């Protein structure tokens, strides 16, 4: 995969593995849909369903490539995370991802206990290059999965804060900084969104010196916007932007809870 497709994939991963908004009432379902675009042209769509039952939650999502992305190879994927609400936060117990791109595919399974990774598997396993930065046991302590990590309780700080993320292969920090508010509207929501600058800080589980990873690491103009889901009393992303040489890759909510 070349650098641009990796960057576009990073934006798709935000929607695929991060943008979901749960309801706090038992037996209710919340739907969130996203459009992912490169320079205004569609490259993927994602959809999520979230359910809560007392102190337990389950969030499931699907992603499908479209438009320009299908010219290279058709990509489809599903993800699911389940866990418990602990001290006004979401704490995962299991996190899974399954995706297929063309003839290739991969399945990821992660199990957590009290915020620590106790088991992680990838099928088929990746062939690691010599300059691979390995993930240590310390890297997998006190971490968040990509879905629960981007859902922030309404009484907590949205930004600034640092989110320690483990996605089953890579360990990274997402460093959020406050940039004010902006109006945002979509089906199911109209109001102010909290704007955060976002920095990508790779920690482990990546190829050292890889140009696309270094490009993301150096970027200082990425943004992510959070809106409040009133029924759930949480904030979740409704918009994100990653600049590239061919134009911005954007992820935008087309439905937020309606």
Protein backbone atom coordinates (compact mmCIF):
# COMPACT_ATOMS: atom_id res chain seq x y z
CA UNK A 1 0.00 0.00 0.00
CA UNK A 2 1.42 3.41 -0.94
CA UNK A 3 1.53 6.39 1.39
CA UNK A 4 -1.68 8.07 0.23
CA UNK A 5 -3.71 4.90 0.54
CA UNK A 6 -2.26 4.31 4.04
CA UNK A 7 -3.28 7.85 5.08
CA UNK A 8 -6.74 7.42 3.57
CA UNK A 9 -6.93 4.13 5.45
CA UNK A 10 -6.05 5.91 8.69
CA UNK A 11 -9.05 8.20 8.22
CA UNK A 12 -11.25 5.23 7.39
CA UNK A 13 -10.02 3.52 10.54
CA UNK A 14 -11.21 6.49 12.60
CA UNK A 15 -14.72 5.92 11.31
CA UNK A 16 -14.45 2.14 11.26
CA UNK A 17 -12.90 1.78 14.69
CA UNK A 18 -13.75 4.94 16.49
CA UNK A 19 -16.90 6.77 15.58
CA UNK A 20 -19.81 5.32 17.51
CA UNK A 21 -22.12 6.82 20.08
CA UNK A 22 -23.91 4.60 22.63
CA UNK A 23 -27.16 5.26 24.44
CA UNK A 24 -27.17 4.93 28.22
CA UNK A 25 -30.71 3.57 28.45
CA UNK A 26 -31.11 -0.19 28.46
CA UNK A 27 -32.72 -1.68 25.39
CA UNK A 28 -32.24 1.39 23.17
CA UNK A 29 -30.23 1.56 19.97
CA UNK A 30 -28.27 4.44 18.52
CA UNK A 31 -27.24 4.67 14.86
CA UNK A 32 -24.35 6.71 13.48
CA UNK A 33 -23.33 6.83 9.80
CA UNK A 34 -20.19 8.36 8.26
CA UNK A 35 -18.99 9.36 4.82
CA UNK A 36 -15.23 9.24 4.12
CA UNK A 37 -13.96 11.42 1.26
CA UNK A 38 -10.72 12.35 -0.48
CA UNK A 39 -10.75 15.90 -1.91
CA UNK A 40 -14.55 15.75 -1.84
CA UNK A 41 -14.84 12.40 -3.62
CA UNK A 42 -16.29 9.39 -1.74
CA UNK A 43 -13.91 6.58 -0.81
CA UNK A 44 -15.84 4.74 1.95
CA UNK A 45 -18.95 4.64 4.10
CA UNK A 46 -19.31 3.39 7.69
CA UNK A 47 -22.30 2.64 9.92
CA UNK A 48 -22.58 1.80 13.63
CA UNK A 49 -25.20 0.40 16.03
CA UNK A 50 -24.78 0.76 19.79
CA UNK A 51 -26.73 -0.96 22.57
CA UNK A 52 -26.64 -0.75 26.34
CA UNK A 53 -28.03 -3.18 28.89
CA UNK A 54 -27.64 -1.83 32.42
CA UNK A 55 -23.85 -1.51 32.93
CA UNK A 56 -22.83 -3.40 29.81
CA UNK A 57 -22.46 -2.10 26.27
CA UNK A 58 -21.95 -3.47 22.77
CA UNK A 59 -21.03 -1.42 19.72
CA UNK A 60 -20.91 -2.97 16.25
CA UNK A 61 -19.93 -1.34 12.99
CA UNK A 62 -19.35 -1.98 9.31
CA UNK A 63 -17.32 -0.24 6.60
CA UNK A 64 -17.42 -0.48 2.80
CA UNK A 65 -15.14 1.22 0.30
CA UNK A 66 -16.73 3.22 -2.50
CA UNK A 67 -15.89 5.39 -5.50
CA UNK A 68 -12.14 5.94 -5.91
CA UNK A 69 -11.21 3.28 -3.37
CA UNK A 70 -13.02 0.56 -5.34
CA UNK A 71 -10.86 1.35 -8.39
CA UNK A 72 -7.88 -0.10 -6.50
CA UNK A 73 -9.61 -2.88 -4.56
CA UNK A 74 -12.95 -3.39 -2.86
CA UNK A 75 -12.68 -3.25 0.92
CA UNK A 76 -15.22 -4.37 3.50
CA UNK A 77 -14.95 -4.79 7.24
CA UNK A 78 -16.78 -5.27 10.50
CA UNK A 79 -15.89 -4.45 14.09
CA UNK A 80 -17.39 -5.04 17.52
CA UNK A 81 -16.47 -4.02 21.04
CA UNK A 82 -18.18 -4.98 24.30
CA UNK A 83 -17.45 -4.07 27.86
CA UNK A 84 -18.68 -2.35 30.99
CA UNK A 85 -19.27 1.21 32.14
CA UNK A 86 -16.72 1.90 34.86
CA UNK A 87 -16.55 5.17 36.73
CA UNK A 88 -18.40 7.09 34.02
CA UNK A 89 -16.18 5.68 31.26
CA UNK A 90 -16.34 2.80 28.79
CA UNK A 91 -13.94 -0.04 29.53
CA UNK A 92 -13.70 -2.74 26.86
CA UNK A 93 -13.48 -6.44 27.57
CA UNK A 94 -13.36 -7.65 23.97
CA UNK A 95 -12.55 -5.91 20.69
CA UNK A 96 -12.62 -7.53 17.25
CA UNK A 97 -11.99 -6.39 13.68
CA UNK A 98 -12.39 -8.39 10.48
CA UNK A 99 -11.67 -6.87 7.07
CA UNK A 100 -11.11 -7.93 3.47
CA UNK A 101 -9.40 -5.86 0.77
CA UNK A 102 -9.35 -7.54 -2.61
CA UNK A 103 -8.06 -11.07 -2.08
CA UNK A 104 -6.40 -10.23 1.22
CA UNK A 105 -7.96 -10.23 4.67
CA UNK A 106 -7.16 -10.07 8.35
CA UNK A 107 -8.90 -10.83 11.65
CA UNK A 108 -7.92 -9.17 14.93
CA UNK A 109 -9.09 -10.19 18.42
CA UNK A 110 -8.16 -8.41 21.65
CA UNK A 111 -9.18 -9.18 25.23
CA UNK A 112 -8.84 -6.63 28.04
CA UNK A 113 -8.95 -6.84 31.82
CA UNK A 114 -9.13 -3.60 33.83
CA UNK A 115 -7.64 -1.62 30.97
CA UNK A 116 -4.74 -4.01 30.33
CA UNK A 117 -4.45 -6.25 27.26
CA UNK A 118 -4.43 -9.91 28.33
CA UNK A 119 -4.64 -11.46 24.85
CA UNK A 120 -4.18 -10.21 21.29
CA UNK A 121 -4.15 -12.21 18.08
CA UNK A 122 -3.98 -11.48 14.35
CA UNK A 123 -4.86 -13.96 11.59
CA UNK A 124 -2.94 -14.34 9.37
CA UNK A 125 0.04 -13.01 11.33
CA UNK A 126 2.02 -10.18 9.76
CA UNK A 127 5.55 -10.87 8.51
CA UNK A 128 7.61 -8.40 10.52
CA UNK A 129 10.47 -6.50 8.88
CA UNK A 130 13.83 -6.04 10.60
CA UNK A 131 13.06 -2.42 11.50
CA UNK A 132 9.72 -3.25 13.13
CA UNK A 133 9.15 -1.57 16.52
CA UNK A 134 7.79 -4.40 18.72
CA UNK A 135 4.94 -3.99 21.19
CA UNK A 136 6.05 -4.77 24.74
CA UNK A 137 3.98 -5.82 27.75
CA UNK A 138 4.30 -2.30 29.17
CA UNK A 139 2.88 -0.91 25.91
CA UNK A 140 -0.33 -2.88 26.51
CA UNK A 141 -1.01 -1.62 30.03
CA UNK A 142 -3.63 1.04 30.79
CA UNK A 143 -4.76 1.35 27.17
CA UNK A 144 -8.00 1.98 25.32
CA UNK A 145 -9.48 0.28 22.30
CA UNK A 146 -10.10 2.61 19.32
CA UNK A 147 -13.90 2.61 19.75
CA UNK A 148 -14.37 3.15 23.48
CA UNK A 149 -11.38 5.50 23.58
CA UNK A 150 -13.11 8.06 21.37
CA UNK A 151 -16.33 8.16 23.41
CA UNK A 152 -15.95 10.73 26.17
CA UNK A 153 -18.37 11.19 29.11
CA UNK A 154 -20.07 14.59 29.11
CA UNK A 155 -18.64 15.52 32.51
CA UNK A 156 -15.07 14.72 31.38
CA UNK A 157 -12.58 16.77 29.37
CA UNK A 158 -12.93 16.35 25.64
CA UNK A 159 -9.66 18.13 24.87
CA UNK A 160 -6.92 18.63 25.86
CA UNK A 161 -6.15 15.03 26.73
CA UNK A 162 -4.05 12.11 25.48
CA UNK A 163 -5.67 8.82 24.47
CA UNK A 164 -3.42 5.72 24.74
CA UNK A 165 -4.73 3.43 21.97
CA UNK A 166 -4.02 -0.22 21.19
CA UNK A 167 -5.79 -1.54 18.08
CA UNK A 168 -4.60 -5.14 18.14
CA UNK A 169 -1.34 -4.47 16.34
CA UNK A 170 -0.13 -0.92 16.95
CA UNK A 171 0.27 1.13 20.12
CA UNK A 172 -0.15 4.87 19.60
CA UNK A 173 -1.14 8.03 21.41
CA UNK A 174 -3.74 10.45 20.09
CA UNK A 175 -2.95 13.81 21.62
CA UNK A 176 -5.93 16.19 21.59
CA UNK A 177 -5.60 19.98 21.99
CA UNK A 178 -8.41 22.52 22.35
CA UNK A 179 -9.27 24.65 19.29
CA UNK A 180 -12.64 26.13 20.27
CA UNK A 181 -16.07 25.27 18.87
CA UNK A 182 -17.72 25.24 15.44
CA UNK A 183 -21.35 24.85 14.30
CA UNK A 184 -22.19 21.42 12.89
CA UNK A 185 -25.41 19.95 11.56
CA UNK A 186 -26.41 16.59 10.14
CA UNK A 187 -29.38 14.25 10.31
CA UNK A 188 -30.21 13.92 14.01
CA UNK A 189 -27.98 16.77 15.24
CA UNK A 190 -27.65 20.53 14.98
CA UNK A 191 -25.50 22.53 17.38
CA UNK A 192 -21.97 23.33 18.46
CA UNK A 193 -19.13 20.84 18.08
CA UNK A 194 -15.96 20.91 20.18
CA UNK A 195 -12.94 21.18 17.87
CA UNK A 196 -9.71 19.45 18.86
CA UNK A 197 -6.37 19.46 17.14
CA UNK A 198 -5.11 15.90 16.97
CA UNK A 199 -1.52 14.65 16.88
CA UNK A 200 -0.60 11.10 15.93
CA UNK A 201 2.24 9.71 18.08
CA UNK A 202 3.38 6.18 17.17
CA UNK A 203 4.72 4.16 20.10
CA UNK A 204 5.09 0.57 18.90
CA UNK A 205 3.79 -1.90 16.36
CA UNK A 206 4.92 -0.13 13.19
CA UNK A 207 7.78 -0.10 10.68
CA UNK A 208 10.39 2.42 11.81
CA UNK A 209 11.18 5.05 9.19
CA UNK A 210 8.08 4.35 7.09
CA UNK A 211 7.32 7.54 5.15
CA UNK A 212 3.53 7.54 5.63
CA UNK A 213 3.82 6.97 9.38
CA UNK A 214 6.37 9.78 9.60
CA UNK A 215 4.06 12.03 7.57
CA UNK A 216 1.22 11.51 10.05
CA UNK A 217 3.59 11.96 12.99
CA UNK A 218 4.72 15.35 11.68
CA UNK A 219 1.26 16.67 10.83
CA UNK A 220 0.08 19.54 13.04
CA UNK A 221 -3.10 20.47 11.15
CA UNK A 222 -5.30 17.40 11.70
CA UNK A 223 -8.62 18.05 13.43
CA UNK A 224 -11.36 16.01 15.09
CA UNK A 225 -14.74 17.44 16.13
CA UNK A 226 -16.90 16.06 18.95
CA UNK A 227 -20.65 16.57 19.38
CA UNK A 228 -22.78 15.74 22.39
CA UNK A 229 -25.29 12.90 22.15
CA UNK A 230 -27.92 14.12 24.57
CA UNK A 231 -29.57 10.75 25.17
CA UNK A 232 -26.26 9.14 26.02
CA UNK A 233 -24.73 12.15 27.80
CA UNK A 234 -21.41 11.57 26.00
CA UNK A 235 -19.36 13.26 23.31
CA UNK A 236 -18.38 11.41 20.13
CA UNK A 237 -16.69 12.41 16.86
CA UNK A 238 -18.75 13.88 14.02
CA UNK A 239 -15.95 15.16 11.79
CA UNK A 240 -12.23 14.63 11.17
CA UNK A 241 -9.76 15.99 8.62
CA UNK A 242 -6.33 14.74 7.52
CA UNK A 243 -4.50 16.92 4.94
CA UNK A 244 -2.71 15.16 2.04
CA UNK A 245 -0.94 16.33 -1.11
CA UNK A 246 -4.02 15.41 -3.18
CA UNK A 247 -6.48 17.19 -0.90
CA UNK A 248 -7.96 16.52 2.53
CA UNK A 249 -9.24 13.14 3.65
CA UNK A 250 -12.39 13.85 5.67
CA UNK A 251 -14.74 11.78 7.80
CA UNK A 252 -18.15 13.37 8.37
CA UNK A 253 -21.26 12.12 10.16
CA UNK A 254 -24.27 11.87 7.84
CA UNK A 255 -26.48 10.63 10.67
CA UNK A 256 -25.92 11.13 14.39
CA UNK A 257 -28.46 9.29 16.51
CA UNK A 258 -31.71 9.84 14.66
